[in-house]
N, C-alpha and C. Protein backbone atom coordinates (compact mmCIF):
# COMPACT_ATOMS: atom_id res chain seq x y z
N MET A 1 0.83 -1.19 0.00
CA MET A 1 0.00 0.00 0.00
C MET A 1 0.87 1.26 0.00
N GLU A 2 2.03 1.17 0.65
CA GLU A 2 2.94 2.31 0.69
C GLU A 2 3.41 2.70 -0.72
N LEU A 3 3.63 1.70 -1.57
CA LEU A 3 4.07 1.96 -2.94
C LEU A 3 3.01 2.77 -3.69
N LYS A 4 1.75 2.41 -3.53
CA LYS A 4 0.66 3.11 -4.21
C LYS A 4 0.59 4.58 -3.76
N VAL A 5 0.80 4.82 -2.47
CA VAL A 5 0.79 6.19 -1.96
C VAL A 5 1.96 6.97 -2.55
N SER A 6 3.14 6.37 -2.58
CA SER A 6 4.31 7.03 -3.16
C SER A 6 4.09 7.32 -4.64
N PHE A 7 3.44 6.38 -5.35
CA PHE A 7 3.14 6.57 -6.76
C PHE A 7 2.20 7.76 -6.95
N GLU A 8 1.15 7.80 -6.15
CA GLU A 8 0.18 8.90 -6.26
C GLU A 8 0.84 10.25 -5.94
N GLU A 9 1.76 10.25 -4.99
CA GLU A 9 2.50 11.48 -4.67
C GLU A 9 3.37 11.90 -5.85
N ALA A 10 3.99 10.92 -6.52
CA ALA A 10 4.83 11.22 -7.68
C ALA A 10 3.98 11.77 -8.83
N VAL A 11 2.78 11.24 -9.00
CA VAL A 11 1.88 11.72 -10.05
C VAL A 11 1.54 13.19 -9.79
N ALA A 12 1.27 13.53 -8.53
CA ALA A 12 0.96 14.92 -8.18
C ALA A 12 2.21 15.80 -8.31
N LYS A 13 3.35 15.26 -7.89
CA LYS A 13 4.60 16.02 -7.88
C LYS A 13 5.04 16.42 -9.29
N VAL A 14 4.87 15.51 -10.25
CA VAL A 14 5.35 15.78 -11.61
C VAL A 14 4.61 16.97 -12.22
N LYS A 15 3.41 17.22 -11.76
CA LYS A 15 2.63 18.35 -12.28
C LYS A 15 3.17 19.69 -11.80
N THR A 16 4.10 19.66 -10.86
CA THR A 16 4.67 20.91 -10.33
C THR A 16 6.01 21.25 -10.96
N LEU A 17 6.46 20.47 -11.94
CA LEU A 17 7.73 20.77 -12.60
C LEU A 17 7.70 22.18 -13.17
N THR A 18 8.83 22.86 -13.08
CA THR A 18 8.91 24.23 -13.56
C THR A 18 9.40 24.31 -15.01
N TYR A 19 9.64 23.16 -15.63
CA TYR A 19 10.06 23.10 -17.02
C TYR A 19 9.35 21.94 -17.69
N LYS A 20 9.30 21.96 -19.02
CA LYS A 20 8.68 20.87 -19.76
C LYS A 20 9.75 19.87 -20.15
N PRO A 21 9.59 18.63 -19.69
CA PRO A 21 10.56 17.59 -20.07
C PRO A 21 10.49 17.32 -21.58
N SER A 22 11.49 16.63 -22.08
CA SER A 22 11.53 16.28 -23.51
C SER A 22 10.36 15.34 -23.85
N ASN A 23 10.06 15.27 -25.12
CA ASN A 23 8.99 14.36 -25.56
C ASN A 23 9.30 12.92 -25.19
N GLU A 24 10.56 12.55 -25.24
CA GLU A 24 10.97 11.20 -24.86
C GLU A 24 10.62 10.92 -23.39
N ILE A 25 10.91 11.87 -22.52
CA ILE A 25 10.59 11.71 -21.09
C ILE A 25 9.07 11.71 -20.89
N LEU A 26 8.37 12.57 -21.59
CA LEU A 26 6.91 12.61 -21.46
C LEU A 26 6.28 11.29 -21.89
N LEU A 27 6.81 10.68 -22.96
CA LEU A 27 6.31 9.38 -23.39
C LEU A 27 6.60 8.30 -22.34
N LYS A 28 7.77 8.38 -21.74
CA LYS A 28 8.13 7.40 -20.70
C LYS A 28 7.21 7.54 -19.50
N LEU A 29 6.95 8.79 -19.09
CA LEU A 29 6.02 9.01 -17.97
C LEU A 29 4.63 8.46 -18.31
N TYR A 30 4.16 8.76 -19.51
CA TYR A 30 2.85 8.29 -19.94
C TYR A 30 2.77 6.77 -19.91
N SER A 31 3.76 6.13 -20.53
CA SER A 31 3.72 4.67 -20.64
C SER A 31 3.83 3.99 -19.28
N LEU A 32 4.69 4.51 -18.42
CA LEU A 32 4.80 3.93 -17.07
C LEU A 32 3.52 4.13 -16.28
N TYR A 33 2.91 5.30 -16.41
CA TYR A 33 1.65 5.56 -15.71
C TYR A 33 0.56 4.59 -16.18
N LYS A 34 0.44 4.43 -17.50
CA LYS A 34 -0.58 3.54 -18.04
C LYS A 34 -0.32 2.09 -17.63
N GLN A 35 0.94 1.67 -17.66
CA GLN A 35 1.28 0.30 -17.28
C GLN A 35 0.97 0.08 -15.80
N ALA A 36 1.25 1.07 -14.98
CA ALA A 36 1.00 0.96 -13.53
C ALA A 36 -0.48 0.93 -13.21
N THR A 37 -1.27 1.69 -13.95
CA THR A 37 -2.69 1.81 -13.61
C THR A 37 -3.61 0.90 -14.40
N GLU A 38 -3.19 0.48 -15.61
CA GLU A 38 -4.08 -0.33 -16.45
C GLU A 38 -3.48 -1.65 -16.89
N GLY A 39 -2.18 -1.86 -16.69
CA GLY A 39 -1.55 -3.10 -17.14
C GLY A 39 -1.16 -3.00 -18.60
N ASP A 40 -1.03 -4.15 -19.24
CA ASP A 40 -0.57 -4.20 -20.63
C ASP A 40 -1.53 -3.45 -21.56
N VAL A 41 -0.95 -2.87 -22.60
CA VAL A 41 -1.72 -2.12 -23.59
C VAL A 41 -2.78 -3.01 -24.22
N SER A 42 -3.91 -2.41 -24.57
CA SER A 42 -4.96 -3.15 -25.25
C SER A 42 -5.56 -2.26 -26.34
N GLY A 43 -6.31 -2.85 -27.21
CA GLY A 43 -6.93 -2.09 -28.28
C GLY A 43 -6.04 -1.99 -29.49
N GLU A 44 -6.56 -1.32 -30.48
CA GLU A 44 -5.86 -1.16 -31.75
C GLU A 44 -4.86 0.00 -31.68
N ARG A 45 -3.75 -0.18 -32.38
CA ARG A 45 -2.76 0.89 -32.49
C ARG A 45 -3.32 1.96 -33.41
N PRO A 46 -3.28 3.24 -32.97
CA PRO A 46 -3.74 4.31 -33.84
C PRO A 46 -2.91 4.35 -35.12
N GLY A 47 -3.56 4.67 -36.20
CA GLY A 47 -2.85 4.70 -37.48
C GLY A 47 -3.08 6.02 -38.18
N GLY A 48 -2.86 5.98 -39.47
CA GLY A 48 -3.07 7.18 -40.26
C GLY A 48 -2.12 8.29 -39.85
N PHE A 49 -2.67 9.44 -39.62
CA PHE A 49 -1.85 10.60 -39.27
C PHE A 49 -1.84 10.90 -37.78
N ASP A 50 -2.29 9.94 -36.97
CA ASP A 50 -2.27 10.13 -35.52
C ASP A 50 -0.90 9.71 -34.99
N PHE A 51 0.10 10.52 -35.31
CA PHE A 51 1.47 10.19 -34.92
C PHE A 51 1.65 10.19 -33.41
N LYS A 52 1.02 11.15 -32.74
CA LYS A 52 1.13 11.24 -31.28
C LYS A 52 0.48 10.01 -30.62
N GLY A 53 -0.70 9.65 -31.09
CA GLY A 53 -1.38 8.48 -30.55
C GLY A 53 -0.59 7.20 -30.78
N ALA A 54 0.00 7.08 -31.96
CA ALA A 54 0.81 5.90 -32.28
C ALA A 54 2.06 5.85 -31.40
N ALA A 55 2.70 6.99 -31.18
CA ALA A 55 3.90 7.03 -30.33
C ALA A 55 3.55 6.64 -28.90
N LYS A 56 2.42 7.13 -28.40
CA LYS A 56 1.99 6.78 -27.04
C LYS A 56 1.69 5.29 -26.94
N TYR A 57 1.00 4.76 -27.94
CA TYR A 57 0.67 3.34 -27.96
C TYR A 57 1.95 2.50 -27.97
N ASP A 58 2.89 2.86 -28.84
CA ASP A 58 4.15 2.11 -28.96
C ASP A 58 4.95 2.15 -27.66
N ALA A 59 4.99 3.32 -27.02
CA ALA A 59 5.74 3.44 -25.77
C ALA A 59 5.13 2.55 -24.69
N TRP A 60 3.82 2.53 -24.63
CA TRP A 60 3.13 1.69 -23.65
C TRP A 60 3.31 0.21 -23.99
N ALA A 61 3.18 -0.13 -25.27
CA ALA A 61 3.32 -1.52 -25.70
C ALA A 61 4.71 -2.07 -25.39
N ALA A 62 5.72 -1.20 -25.39
CA ALA A 62 7.09 -1.63 -25.11
C ALA A 62 7.24 -2.13 -23.67
N LEU A 63 6.30 -1.79 -22.82
CA LEU A 63 6.37 -2.21 -21.41
C LEU A 63 5.56 -3.47 -21.13
N LYS A 64 5.07 -4.10 -22.18
CA LYS A 64 4.24 -5.30 -22.01
C LYS A 64 4.94 -6.32 -21.12
N GLY A 65 4.20 -6.82 -20.15
CA GLY A 65 4.73 -7.82 -19.23
C GLY A 65 5.29 -7.23 -17.94
N MET A 66 5.51 -5.92 -17.90
CA MET A 66 6.00 -5.28 -16.68
C MET A 66 4.86 -5.24 -15.66
N SER A 67 5.15 -5.62 -14.44
CA SER A 67 4.10 -5.61 -13.41
C SER A 67 3.74 -4.17 -13.03
N PRO A 68 2.53 -3.97 -12.55
CA PRO A 68 2.16 -2.63 -12.10
C PRO A 68 3.11 -2.09 -11.02
N GLU A 69 3.57 -2.97 -10.15
CA GLU A 69 4.49 -2.54 -9.09
C GLU A 69 5.82 -2.06 -9.67
N GLN A 70 6.35 -2.79 -10.65
CA GLN A 70 7.59 -2.37 -11.31
C GLN A 70 7.39 -1.03 -12.00
N ALA A 71 6.26 -0.86 -12.66
CA ALA A 71 5.97 0.38 -13.37
C ALA A 71 5.86 1.54 -12.38
N MET A 72 5.23 1.30 -11.25
CA MET A 72 5.11 2.35 -10.23
C MET A 72 6.48 2.78 -9.73
N ARG A 73 7.34 1.80 -9.44
CA ARG A 73 8.69 2.12 -8.96
C ARG A 73 9.48 2.90 -10.00
N ALA A 74 9.38 2.48 -11.26
CA ALA A 74 10.10 3.16 -12.34
C ALA A 74 9.57 4.58 -12.52
N TYR A 75 8.27 4.76 -12.41
CA TYR A 75 7.65 6.09 -12.53
C TYR A 75 8.16 7.00 -11.42
N ILE A 76 8.14 6.50 -10.19
CA ILE A 76 8.61 7.27 -9.03
C ILE A 76 10.07 7.67 -9.22
N ASP A 77 10.90 6.72 -9.65
CA ASP A 77 12.33 7.00 -9.86
C ASP A 77 12.52 8.06 -10.95
N LEU A 78 11.75 7.96 -12.02
CA LEU A 78 11.87 8.92 -13.11
C LEU A 78 11.46 10.32 -12.66
N VAL A 79 10.34 10.41 -11.95
CA VAL A 79 9.89 11.72 -11.44
C VAL A 79 10.95 12.32 -10.52
N ASN A 80 11.48 11.52 -9.61
CA ASN A 80 12.51 12.02 -8.69
C ASN A 80 13.74 12.50 -9.46
N SER A 81 14.12 11.79 -10.52
CA SER A 81 15.29 12.21 -11.30
C SER A 81 15.02 13.52 -12.03
N LEU A 82 13.79 13.78 -12.42
CA LEU A 82 13.46 15.04 -13.09
C LEU A 82 13.64 16.22 -12.14
N PHE A 83 13.35 16.00 -10.87
CA PHE A 83 13.53 17.08 -9.89
C PHE A 83 14.99 17.27 -9.51
N GLU A 84 15.77 16.21 -9.59
CA GLU A 84 17.21 16.33 -9.31
C GLU A 84 17.90 17.12 -10.41
N LYS A 85 17.46 16.92 -11.66
CA LYS A 85 18.05 17.62 -12.81
C LYS A 85 17.60 19.06 -12.87
N GLY A 86 16.32 19.29 -12.48
CA GLY A 86 15.71 20.61 -12.60
C GLY A 86 16.45 21.65 -11.86
């Protein structure tokens, strides 16, 4: 239960960043969040000209098989590293 609380704190904390992380970091945050909260990606991969949707789908799909707990830990570590760099 402590991990879930730390994860929720990290989710709130990342919204207080004073700078915008790179698109690569934003995709990593998105994919880890989705893996932690919903598990493996499902549904169809966006196609056509939805490049942003496809990138988000691919980033999440790359984490297939990662447990929600692992994703939460990785998300927390990434958020903490963003504040160390900031």
